[in-house]
Amino acid sequence: MRNGIAAILVAAVMIVGWAASAPADSQIGHGSMSGSSDGASSSGSADSSNSDDAPPFAPMSVEGWDGGAYRLSNGGIYCELSDDYGSGVSMLVGWDQNGFYLMVTDPNTLKMDALENFETVVSVDKTYRAKVKAFAYDTDQLELDFYDDRKGISALRKGVKLVLEDWDHWYTLYGTNAAIAAVEDCFNRYR
């Protein structure tokens, strides 16, 4: 189902990212989100993304993450929250009938073939390391599918740093505990 809404999501993220980029420099950010192995970092604040450019039927905001519950044209439900870290970099957490997914948009680091399925190695701190299914919505937009991998989901909730090993790049997990709990609860409530 996620692949069916890929083009709409990409357009929505680009529009929201462009609209949010001007004021992002003046807003207080969440601190360091990403960096290469040399420790470079960026900061930012919040935005949201959804399919069909429709607002959520049940909006929510948790620790700087914004989004809510969305309804698909086929009646399906999914819940997403996103956080914008500035400079076009954002992270989105979501839950649908397939389980948990995390999406990273990073035009400075991610270089992929659009609409490609593959597997990639991710790690969280020193508590979790696994090969996960991934999908490139665009050349700079990566979805990581954790489905019902409770060890991985727990690591993302409690961890500090998500590492994308294939890119030798990391992202700070600020507020993910509350955001992941909220999207899981949202999906269970509205499905």
N, C-alpha and C. Protein backbone atom coordinates (compact mmCIF):
# COMPACT_ATOMS: atom_id res chain seq x y z
N MET A 1 0.82 -1.18 0.00
CA MET A 1 0.00 0.00 0.00
C MET A 1 0.87 1.25 0.00
N ARG A 2 1.97 1.23 0.71
CA ARG A 2 2.83 2.41 0.78
C ARG A 2 3.35 2.78 -0.59
N ASN A 3 3.69 1.78 -1.43
CA ASN A 3 4.20 2.08 -2.75
C ASN A 3 3.17 2.78 -3.61
N GLY A 4 1.90 2.52 -3.37
CA GLY A 4 0.83 3.14 -4.15
C GLY A 4 0.69 4.62 -3.89
N ILE A 5 1.15 5.08 -2.75
CA ILE A 5 1.02 6.50 -2.43
C ILE A 5 2.37 7.22 -2.49
N ALA A 6 3.38 6.56 -3.02
CA ALA A 6 4.74 7.10 -3.03
C ALA A 6 4.82 8.47 -3.70
N ALA A 7 4.28 8.62 -4.88
CA ALA A 7 4.40 9.89 -5.60
C ALA A 7 3.72 11.02 -4.85
N ILE A 8 2.58 10.74 -4.25
CA ILE A 8 1.85 11.77 -3.50
C ILE A 8 2.64 12.16 -2.27
N LEU A 9 3.20 11.18 -1.57
CA LEU A 9 4.00 11.49 -0.38
C LEU A 9 5.22 12.33 -0.74
N VAL A 10 5.90 11.97 -1.82
CA VAL A 10 7.08 12.72 -2.23
C VAL A 10 6.71 14.17 -2.50
N ALA A 11 5.63 14.40 -3.22
CA ALA A 11 5.19 15.76 -3.52
C ALA A 11 4.84 16.52 -2.26
N ALA A 12 4.13 15.87 -1.35
CA ALA A 12 3.72 16.53 -0.10
C ALA A 12 4.94 16.89 0.74
N VAL A 13 5.90 15.98 0.84
CA VAL A 13 7.10 16.26 1.63
C VAL A 13 7.89 17.40 1.01
N MET A 14 8.00 17.42 -0.32
CA MET A 14 8.74 18.49 -0.97
C MET A 14 8.08 19.84 -0.73
N ILE A 15 6.76 19.90 -0.85
CA ILE A 15 6.03 21.15 -0.65
C ILE A 15 6.15 21.61 0.80
N VAL A 16 5.92 20.70 1.74
CA VAL A 16 6.00 21.05 3.16
C VAL A 16 7.43 21.42 3.52
N GLY A 17 8.41 20.68 3.02
CA GLY A 17 9.81 20.98 3.30
C GLY A 17 10.21 22.34 2.77
N TRP A 18 9.75 22.67 1.56
CA TRP A 18 10.06 23.97 0.98
C TRP A 18 9.41 25.07 1.77
N ALA A 19 8.15 24.90 2.15
CA ALA A 19 7.43 25.93 2.90
C ALA A 19 8.01 26.10 4.29
N ALA A 20 8.50 25.03 4.89
CA ALA A 20 9.03 25.11 6.25
C ALA A 20 10.48 25.54 6.30
N SER A 21 11.18 25.52 5.16
CA SER A 21 12.61 25.80 5.20
C SER A 21 12.93 27.24 5.54
N ALA A 22 12.14 28.19 5.11
CA ALA A 22 12.43 29.59 5.41
C ALA A 22 12.36 29.90 6.90
N PRO A 23 11.28 29.54 7.61
CA PRO A 23 11.24 29.88 9.03
C PRO A 23 12.06 28.94 9.91
N ALA A 24 12.55 27.82 9.37
CA ALA A 24 13.24 26.85 10.21
C ALA A 24 14.48 27.45 10.86
N ASP A 25 15.17 28.37 10.16
CA ASP A 25 16.37 28.95 10.72
C ASP A 25 16.08 29.81 11.95
N SER A 26 14.87 30.36 12.04
CA SER A 26 14.55 31.22 13.17
C SER A 26 13.91 30.46 14.32
N GLN A 27 13.58 29.19 14.12
CA GLN A 27 12.92 28.42 15.17
C GLN A 27 13.96 27.69 16.00
N ILE A 28 13.60 27.42 17.25
CA ILE A 28 14.49 26.65 18.11
C ILE A 28 14.42 25.20 17.69
N GLY A 29 15.58 24.60 17.44
CA GLY A 29 15.62 23.23 16.95
C GLY A 29 15.74 22.22 18.07
N HIS A 30 15.76 20.95 17.69
CA HIS A 30 15.85 19.85 18.64
C HIS A 30 17.28 19.44 18.88
N GLY A 31 18.22 20.20 18.39
CA GLY A 31 19.62 19.83 18.59
C GLY A 31 20.12 19.01 17.44
N SER A 32 21.17 18.28 17.67
CA SER A 32 21.84 17.53 16.63
C SER A 32 20.98 16.38 16.14
N MET A 33 20.74 16.34 14.84
CA MET A 33 19.99 15.23 14.29
C MET A 33 20.88 14.29 13.52
N SER A 34 21.72 14.82 12.69
CA SER A 34 22.46 13.93 11.80
C SER A 34 23.91 14.33 11.73
N GLY A 35 24.71 13.39 11.26
CA GLY A 35 26.11 13.69 11.07
C GLY A 35 26.81 12.56 10.37
N SER A 36 27.96 12.88 9.83
CA SER A 36 28.78 11.84 9.23
C SER A 36 29.68 11.28 10.32
N SER A 37 30.58 10.45 9.96
CA SER A 37 31.45 9.86 10.97
C SER A 37 32.33 10.89 11.64
N ASP A 38 32.46 12.09 11.03
CA ASP A 38 33.26 13.12 11.67
C ASP A 38 32.47 13.98 12.65
N GLY A 39 31.15 13.70 12.81
CA GLY A 39 30.35 14.38 13.81
C GLY A 39 29.64 15.63 13.32
N ALA A 40 29.64 15.93 12.03
CA ALA A 40 28.91 17.09 11.52
C ALA A 40 27.44 16.92 11.84
N SER A 41 26.74 18.04 12.07
CA SER A 41 25.34 17.91 12.46
C SER A 41 24.50 19.05 11.93
N SER A 42 23.17 18.87 12.04
CA SER A 42 22.22 19.92 11.68
C SER A 42 21.11 19.93 12.71
N SER A 43 20.29 20.98 12.68
CA SER A 43 19.19 21.06 13.64
C SER A 43 17.94 21.55 12.96
N GLY A 44 16.79 21.47 13.64
CA GLY A 44 15.55 21.94 13.05
C GLY A 44 14.38 21.82 13.97
N SER A 45 13.17 21.85 13.37
CA SER A 45 11.94 21.77 14.15
C SER A 45 10.98 20.80 13.51
N ALA A 46 9.68 21.09 13.37
CA ALA A 46 8.71 20.05 12.99
C ALA A 46 7.92 20.35 11.73
N ASP A 47 7.47 19.29 11.03
CA ASP A 47 6.50 19.37 9.94
C ASP A 47 5.80 18.03 9.80
N SER A 48 4.88 17.91 8.83
CA SER A 48 4.19 16.63 8.67
C SER A 48 4.01 16.31 7.20
N SER A 49 3.69 15.03 6.92
CA SER A 49 3.50 14.54 5.57
C SER A 49 2.36 13.54 5.57
N ASN A 50 1.56 13.54 4.50
CA ASN A 50 0.49 12.54 4.40
C ASN A 50 0.08 12.38 2.95
N SER A 51 -0.69 11.34 2.67
CA SER A 51 -1.10 11.08 1.30
C SER A 51 -2.30 11.93 0.94
N ASP A 52 -2.51 12.08 -0.34
CA ASP A 52 -3.66 12.80 -0.89
C ASP A 52 -3.72 14.25 -0.43
N ASP A 53 -2.66 14.79 0.15
CA ASP A 53 -2.62 16.17 0.64
C ASP A 53 -3.80 16.52 1.53
N ALA A 54 -4.46 15.54 2.09
CA ALA A 54 -5.59 15.77 2.98
C ALA A 54 -5.07 15.87 4.41
N PRO A 55 -5.66 16.75 5.19
CA PRO A 55 -5.24 16.82 6.58
C PRO A 55 -5.66 15.55 7.32
N PRO A 56 -5.01 15.25 8.43
CA PRO A 56 -5.40 14.07 9.18
C PRO A 56 -6.81 14.24 9.74
N PHE A 57 -7.56 13.14 9.82
CA PHE A 57 -8.89 13.24 10.42
C PHE A 57 -8.78 13.28 11.94
N ALA A 58 -7.64 12.88 12.48
CA ALA A 58 -7.37 12.99 13.91
C ALA A 58 -5.94 13.52 14.08
N PRO A 59 -5.77 14.85 14.03
CA PRO A 59 -4.42 15.42 14.15
C PRO A 59 -3.83 15.18 15.53
N MET A 60 -2.51 15.11 15.58
CA MET A 60 -1.83 14.99 16.87
C MET A 60 -0.43 15.59 16.76
N SER A 61 0.08 15.98 17.89
CA SER A 61 1.43 16.54 18.00
C SER A 61 2.04 16.01 19.29
N VAL A 62 3.26 15.47 19.19
CA VAL A 62 3.92 14.86 20.34
C VAL A 62 5.39 15.27 20.32
N GLU A 63 5.82 16.00 21.33
CA GLU A 63 7.22 16.39 21.48
C GLU A 63 7.84 16.92 20.19
N GLY A 64 7.14 17.80 19.50
CA GLY A 64 7.66 18.40 18.28
C GLY A 64 7.40 17.61 17.01
N TRP A 65 6.82 16.44 17.13
CA TRP A 65 6.45 15.62 15.97
C TRP A 65 4.99 15.92 15.67
N ASP A 66 4.66 16.16 14.40
CA ASP A 66 3.30 16.52 14.01
C ASP A 66 2.77 15.57 12.94
N GLY A 67 1.47 15.34 12.97
CA GLY A 67 0.81 14.48 11.99
C GLY A 67 -0.53 14.05 12.50
N GLY A 68 -0.83 12.76 12.42
CA GLY A 68 -2.09 12.25 12.92
C GLY A 68 -2.50 10.97 12.22
N ALA A 69 -3.81 10.72 12.26
CA ALA A 69 -4.40 9.54 11.63
C ALA A 69 -4.95 9.96 10.28
N TYR A 70 -4.66 9.18 9.26
CA TYR A 70 -5.07 9.48 7.88
C TYR A 70 -5.89 8.31 7.34
N ARG A 71 -6.82 8.65 6.47
CA ARG A 71 -7.66 7.64 5.85
C ARG A 71 -7.31 7.56 4.36
N LEU A 72 -7.09 6.35 3.87
CA LEU A 72 -6.82 6.12 2.45
C LEU A 72 -8.14 6.04 1.68
N SER A 73 -8.08 6.21 0.40
CA SER A 73 -9.30 6.14 -0.42
C SER A 73 -9.97 4.78 -0.35
N ASN A 74 -9.20 3.72 -0.04
CA ASN A 74 -9.80 2.38 0.07
C ASN A 74 -10.34 2.11 1.48
N GLY A 75 -10.31 3.14 2.35
CA GLY A 75 -10.83 2.99 3.71
C GLY A 75 -9.78 2.60 4.73
N GLY A 76 -8.58 2.25 4.29
CA GLY A 76 -7.51 1.89 5.22
C GLY A 76 -7.07 3.10 6.05
N ILE A 77 -6.48 2.80 7.17
CA ILE A 77 -6.02 3.83 8.11
C ILE A 77 -4.51 3.68 8.30
N TYR A 78 -3.82 4.79 8.43
CA TYR A 78 -2.43 4.78 8.86
C TYR A 78 -2.20 6.02 9.70
N CYS A 79 -1.21 5.96 10.58
CA CYS A 79 -0.87 7.08 11.45
C CYS A 79 0.59 7.44 11.24
N GLU A 80 0.87 8.74 11.12
CA GLU A 80 2.23 9.21 10.91
C GLU A 80 2.49 10.47 11.72
N LEU A 81 3.72 10.60 12.16
CA LEU A 81 4.23 11.82 12.78
C LEU A 81 5.58 12.13 12.16
N SER A 82 5.84 13.40 11.88
CA SER A 82 7.13 13.75 11.30
C SER A 82 7.75 14.91 12.04
N ASP A 83 9.06 15.01 11.90
CA ASP A 83 9.84 16.07 12.51
C ASP A 83 10.83 16.58 11.48
N ASP A 84 10.85 17.89 11.26
CA ASP A 84 11.73 18.52 10.29
C ASP A 84 12.95 19.06 11.01
N TYR A 85 14.13 18.64 10.57
CA TYR A 85 15.38 19.05 11.21
C TYR A 85 16.11 20.13 10.43
N GLY A 86 15.48 20.72 9.45
CA GLY A 86 16.10 21.79 8.68
C GLY A 86 16.95 21.29 7.54
N SER A 87 17.30 22.18 6.64
CA SER A 87 18.15 21.87 5.49
C SER A 87 17.60 20.72 4.65
N GLY A 88 16.28 20.55 4.63
CA GLY A 88 15.65 19.49 3.85
C GLY A 88 15.67 18.13 4.51
N VAL A 89 16.23 18.02 5.72
CA VAL A 89 16.33 16.75 6.42
C VAL A 89 15.12 16.59 7.34
N SER A 90 14.47 15.43 7.24
CA SER A 90 13.33 15.16 8.13
C SER A 90 13.25 13.67 8.42
N MET A 91 12.52 13.35 9.48
CA MET A 91 12.28 11.97 9.85
C MET A 91 10.79 11.81 10.10
N LEU A 92 10.24 10.69 9.67
CA LEU A 92 8.82 10.39 9.82
C LEU A 92 8.70 8.99 10.40
N VAL A 93 7.81 8.83 11.39
CA VAL A 93 7.50 7.50 11.91
C VAL A 93 6.04 7.22 11.61
N GLY A 94 5.73 5.98 11.26
CA GLY A 94 4.37 5.65 10.92
C GLY A 94 4.01 4.22 11.26
N TRP A 95 2.69 3.99 11.31
CA TRP A 95 2.17 2.65 11.59
C TRP A 95 0.98 2.43 10.68
N ASP A 96 0.97 1.29 9.98
CA ASP A 96 -0.17 0.92 9.15
C ASP A 96 -0.45 -0.57 9.33
N GLN A 97 -1.28 -1.16 8.48
CA GLN A 97 -1.64 -2.57 8.64
C GLN A 97 -0.44 -3.50 8.53
N ASN A 98 0.67 -3.04 7.96
CA ASN A 98 1.88 -3.85 7.87
C ASN A 98 2.79 -3.70 9.07
N GLY A 99 2.53 -2.72 9.92
CA GLY A 99 3.36 -2.49 11.10
C GLY A 99 4.07 -1.15 11.06
N PHE A 100 5.22 -1.09 11.71
CA PHE A 100 5.96 0.15 11.90
C PHE A 100 6.93 0.42 10.75
N TYR A 101 7.03 1.69 10.37
CA TYR A 101 8.02 2.13 9.38
C TYR A 101 8.58 3.47 9.79
N LEU A 102 9.79 3.75 9.32
CA LEU A 102 10.47 5.00 9.59
C LEU A 102 10.98 5.52 8.26
N MET A 103 10.77 6.80 8.00
CA MET A 103 11.22 7.39 6.74
C MET A 103 12.18 8.53 7.04
N VAL A 104 13.31 8.54 6.34
CA VAL A 104 14.29 9.60 6.45
C VAL A 104 14.39 10.28 5.09
N THR A 105 14.30 11.61 5.10
CA THR A 105 14.53 12.39 3.89
C THR A 105 15.78 13.21 4.15
N ASP A 106 16.77 13.07 3.28
CA ASP A 106 18.04 13.77 3.45
C ASP A 106 18.70 13.99 2.09
N PRO A 107 18.46 15.17 1.48
CA PRO A 107 19.03 15.43 0.16
C PRO A 107 20.55 15.58 0.17
N ASN A 108 21.15 15.80 1.33
CA ASN A 108 22.60 15.98 1.41
C ASN A 108 23.36 14.67 1.50
N THR A 109 22.70 13.61 1.97
CA THR A 109 23.40 12.34 2.22
C THR A 109 22.87 11.18 1.39
N LEU A 110 21.55 11.03 1.34
CA LEU A 110 20.97 9.86 0.68
C LEU A 110 21.03 10.01 -0.83
N LYS A 111 21.63 9.05 -1.48
CA LYS A 111 21.72 9.01 -2.94
C LYS A 111 21.31 7.61 -3.37
N MET A 112 20.09 7.52 -3.93
CA MET A 112 19.54 6.20 -4.30
C MET A 112 18.85 6.31 -5.64
N ASP A 113 18.50 5.17 -6.21
CA ASP A 113 17.63 5.14 -7.38
C ASP A 113 16.20 5.21 -6.89
N ALA A 114 15.42 6.13 -7.42
CA ALA A 114 14.03 6.30 -7.00
C ALA A 114 13.22 5.04 -7.27
N LEU A 115 12.26 4.77 -6.40
CA LEU A 115 11.32 3.65 -6.50
C LEU A 115 12.03 2.30 -6.52
N GLU A 116 13.07 2.17 -5.70
CA GLU A 116 13.85 0.94 -5.62
C GLU A 116 13.61 0.24 -4.28
N ASN A 117 13.37 -1.07 -4.31
CA ASN A 117 13.31 -1.91 -3.11
C ASN A 117 14.68 -2.52 -2.88
N PHE A 118 15.13 -2.56 -1.64
CA PHE A 118 16.41 -3.18 -1.31
C PHE A 118 16.46 -3.44 0.19
N GLU A 119 17.56 -3.97 0.67
CA GLU A 119 17.78 -4.14 2.10
C GLU A 119 18.99 -3.32 2.48
N THR A 120 18.99 -2.82 3.72
CA THR A 120 20.11 -2.02 4.20
C THR A 120 20.34 -2.31 5.68
N VAL A 121 21.57 -2.14 6.12
CA VAL A 121 21.91 -2.39 7.52
C VAL A 121 21.75 -1.10 8.31
N VAL A 122 21.00 -1.21 9.40
CA VAL A 122 20.83 -0.08 10.31
C VAL A 122 21.24 -0.54 11.71
N SER A 123 21.69 0.41 12.50
CA SER A 123 21.99 0.12 13.90
C SER A 123 21.52 1.27 14.76
N VAL A 124 21.20 0.96 16.01
CA VAL A 124 20.80 1.96 16.98
C VAL A 124 21.72 1.77 18.19
N ASP A 125 22.48 2.82 18.47
CA ASP A 125 23.45 2.77 19.55
C ASP A 125 24.24 1.46 19.43
N LYS A 126 24.44 0.77 20.53
CA LYS A 126 25.11 -0.54 20.47
C LYS A 126 24.15 -1.64 20.86
N THR A 127 22.84 -1.34 20.80
CA THR A 127 21.83 -2.30 21.24
C THR A 127 21.14 -3.04 20.11
N TYR A 128 21.23 -2.53 18.88
CA TYR A 128 20.49 -3.15 17.78
C TYR A 128 21.27 -2.96 16.48
N ARG A 129 21.34 -4.02 15.71
CA ARG A 129 21.94 -3.96 14.37
C ARG A 129 21.25 -5.04 13.54
N ALA A 130 20.70 -4.64 12.41
CA ALA A 130 19.99 -5.60 11.57
C ALA A 130 19.90 -5.10 10.13
N LYS A 131 19.66 -6.04 9.24
CA LYS A 131 19.36 -5.72 7.86
C LYS A 131 17.85 -5.59 7.76
N VAL A 132 17.37 -4.44 7.28
CA VAL A 132 15.93 -4.21 7.17
C VAL A 132 15.54 -3.93 5.73
N LYS A 133 14.29 -4.23 5.43
CA LYS A 133 13.77 -3.92 4.09
C LYS A 133 13.65 -2.41 3.97
N ALA A 134 13.98 -1.91 2.78
CA ALA A 134 13.97 -0.48 2.54
C ALA A 134 13.35 -0.20 1.18
N PHE A 135 12.85 1.02 1.04
CA PHE A 135 12.27 1.46 -0.23
C PHE A 135 12.68 2.91 -0.44
N ALA A 136 13.17 3.23 -1.62
CA ALA A 136 13.54 4.60 -1.97
C ALA A 136 12.37 5.23 -2.71
N TYR A 137 11.63 6.11 -2.02
CA TYR A 137 10.54 6.83 -2.68
C TYR A 137 11.10 7.79 -3.72
N ASP A 138 12.22 8.38 -3.40
CA ASP A 138 12.90 9.31 -4.29
C ASP A 138 14.40 9.11 -4.04
N THR A 139 15.23 9.86 -4.74
CA THR A 139 16.67 9.69 -4.59
C THR A 139 17.17 10.06 -3.21
N ASP A 140 16.37 10.82 -2.43
CA ASP A 140 16.79 11.26 -1.11
C ASP A 140 15.79 10.91 -0.02
N GLN A 141 14.85 10.01 -0.30
CA GLN A 141 13.80 9.67 0.66
C GLN A 141 13.75 8.15 0.86
N LEU A 142 14.17 7.72 2.05
CA LEU A 142 14.34 6.31 2.37
C LEU A 142 13.34 5.87 3.42
N GLU A 143 12.57 4.82 3.10
CA GLU A 143 11.67 4.21 4.08
C GLU A 143 12.30 2.92 4.57
N LEU A 144 12.35 2.76 5.89
CA LEU A 144 12.84 1.55 6.53
C LEU A 144 11.65 0.84 7.14
N ASP A 145 11.40 -0.40 6.74
CA ASP A 145 10.25 -1.16 7.21
C ASP A 145 10.66 -2.12 8.31
N PHE A 146 10.17 -1.84 9.53
CA PHE A 146 10.45 -2.68 10.68
C PHE A 146 9.31 -3.65 10.97
N TYR A 147 8.15 -3.44 10.33
CA TYR A 147 6.98 -4.30 10.50
C TYR A 147 6.67 -4.51 11.98
N ASP A 148 6.86 -5.74 12.50
CA ASP A 148 6.59 -6.00 13.92
C ASP A 148 7.87 -6.43 14.66
N ASP A 149 9.02 -5.95 14.21
CA ASP A 149 10.31 -6.24 14.85
C ASP A 149 10.39 -5.46 16.16
N ARG A 150 9.91 -6.08 17.25
CA ARG A 150 9.83 -5.40 18.54
C ARG A 150 11.20 -5.00 19.08
N LYS A 151 12.23 -5.76 18.79
CA LYS A 151 13.57 -5.40 19.24
C LYS A 151 14.02 -4.11 18.54
N GLY A 152 13.79 -4.02 17.24
CA GLY A 152 14.16 -2.83 16.49
C GLY A 152 13.33 -1.61 16.90
N ILE A 153 12.03 -1.82 17.07
CA ILE A 153 11.14 -0.73 17.47
C ILE A 153 11.53 -0.22 18.85
N SER A 154 11.82 -1.12 19.78
CA SER A 154 12.24 -0.73 21.12
C SER A 154 13.55 0.04 21.08
N ALA A 155 14.49 -0.40 20.27
CA ALA A 155 15.77 0.31 20.15
C ALA A 155 15.56 1.72 19.62
N LEU A 156 14.69 1.87 18.62
CA LEU A 156 14.40 3.19 18.07
C LEU A 156 13.71 4.09 19.10
N ARG A 157 12.88 3.51 19.94
CA ARG A 157 12.19 4.28 20.98
C ARG A 157 13.16 4.74 22.07
N LYS A 158 14.08 3.88 22.46
CA LYS A 158 14.95 4.17 23.61
C LYS A 158 16.32 4.68 23.21
N GLY A 159 16.66 4.57 21.93
CA GLY A 159 18.01 4.90 21.48
C GLY A 159 18.27 6.38 21.31
N VAL A 160 19.53 6.67 21.06
CA VAL A 160 19.98 8.04 20.86
C VAL A 160 20.38 8.28 19.41
N LYS A 161 20.96 7.28 18.76
CA LYS A 161 21.52 7.48 17.43
C LYS A 161 21.17 6.32 16.49
N LEU A 162 20.52 6.66 15.37
CA LEU A 162 20.24 5.70 14.30
C LEU A 162 21.35 5.84 13.26
N VAL A 163 22.01 4.74 12.94
CA VAL A 163 23.09 4.76 11.96
C VAL A 163 22.65 4.02 10.70
N LEU A 164 22.78 4.69 9.56
CA LEU A 164 22.58 4.06 8.26
C LEU A 164 23.97 3.66 7.77
N GLU A 165 24.30 2.40 7.96
CA GLU A 165 25.67 1.95 7.72
C GLU A 165 26.10 2.07 6.27
N ASP A 166 25.19 1.85 5.33
CA ASP A 166 25.56 1.95 3.91
C ASP A 166 25.97 3.36 3.51
N TRP A 167 25.54 4.35 4.27
CA TRP A 167 25.88 5.75 3.98
C TRP A 167 26.89 6.30 4.98
N ASP A 168 27.28 5.49 5.97
CA ASP A 168 28.19 5.93 7.04
C ASP A 168 27.71 7.27 7.61
N HIS A 169 26.41 7.29 7.98
CA HIS A 169 25.76 8.52 8.44
C HIS A 169 24.80 8.18 9.57
N TRP A 170 24.62 9.12 10.49
CA TRP A 170 23.76 8.87 11.64
C TRP A 170 22.77 10.01 11.83
N TYR A 171 21.67 9.68 12.56
CA TYR A 171 20.59 10.62 12.87
C TYR A 171 20.23 10.48 14.34
N THR A 172 20.11 11.62 15.02
CA THR A 172 19.71 11.61 16.42
C THR A 172 18.24 11.24 16.53
N LEU A 173 17.91 10.40 17.48
CA LEU A 173 16.53 9.95 17.71
C LEU A 173 15.90 10.79 18.82
N TYR A 174 15.59 12.04 18.52
CA TYR A 174 14.99 12.92 19.50
C TYR A 174 13.47 12.76 19.50
N GLY A 175 12.89 12.41 20.64
CA GLY A 175 11.44 12.31 20.77
C GLY A 175 10.83 11.08 20.14
N THR A 176 11.64 10.13 19.69
CA THR A 176 11.09 8.96 19.01
C THR A 176 10.31 8.04 19.95
N ASN A 177 10.65 8.03 21.22
CA ASN A 177 9.90 7.19 22.16
C ASN A 177 8.43 7.59 22.16
N ALA A 178 8.18 8.87 22.35
CA ALA A 178 6.80 9.35 22.38
C ALA A 178 6.14 9.26 21.01
N ALA A 179 6.88 9.57 19.95
CA ALA A 179 6.30 9.55 18.60
C ALA A 179 5.90 8.15 18.17
N ILE A 180 6.76 7.17 18.41
CA ILE A 180 6.45 5.79 18.02
C ILE A 180 5.29 5.25 18.85
N ALA A 181 5.30 5.53 20.15
CA ALA A 181 4.19 5.09 21.00
C ALA A 181 2.88 5.71 20.51
N ALA A 182 2.92 6.98 20.11
CA ALA A 182 1.70 7.67 19.66
C ALA A 182 1.16 7.10 18.36
N VAL A 183 2.03 6.78 17.38
CA VAL A 183 1.51 6.25 16.11
C VAL A 183 0.99 4.83 16.28
N GLU A 184 1.61 4.04 17.15
CA GLU A 184 1.10 2.69 17.39
C GLU A 184 -0.27 2.77 18.07
N ASP A 185 -0.39 3.59 19.09
CA ASP A 185 -1.65 3.77 19.78
C ASP A 185 -2.73 4.31 18.84
N CYS A 186 -2.35 5.28 18.01
CA CYS A 186 -3.28 5.86 17.03
C CYS A 186 -3.80 4.80 16.07
N PHE A 187 -2.90 4.00 15.51
CA PHE A 187 -3.34 2.97 14.56
C PHE A 187 -4.26 1.96 15.23
N ASN A 188 -3.91 1.53 16.44
CA ASN A 188 -4.76 0.57 17.15
C ASN A 188 -6.12 1.15 17.50
N ARG A 189 -6.20 2.44 17.73
CA ARG A 189 -7.46 3.09 18.07
C ARG A 189 -8.39 3.23 16.85
N TYR A 190 -7.83 3.54 15.69
CA TYR A 190 -8.66 3.88 14.53
C TYR A 190 -8.78 2.79 13.47
N ARG A 191 -8.04 1.71 13.57
CA ARG A 191 -8.08 0.71 12.50
C ARG A 191 -9.38 -0.02 12.44
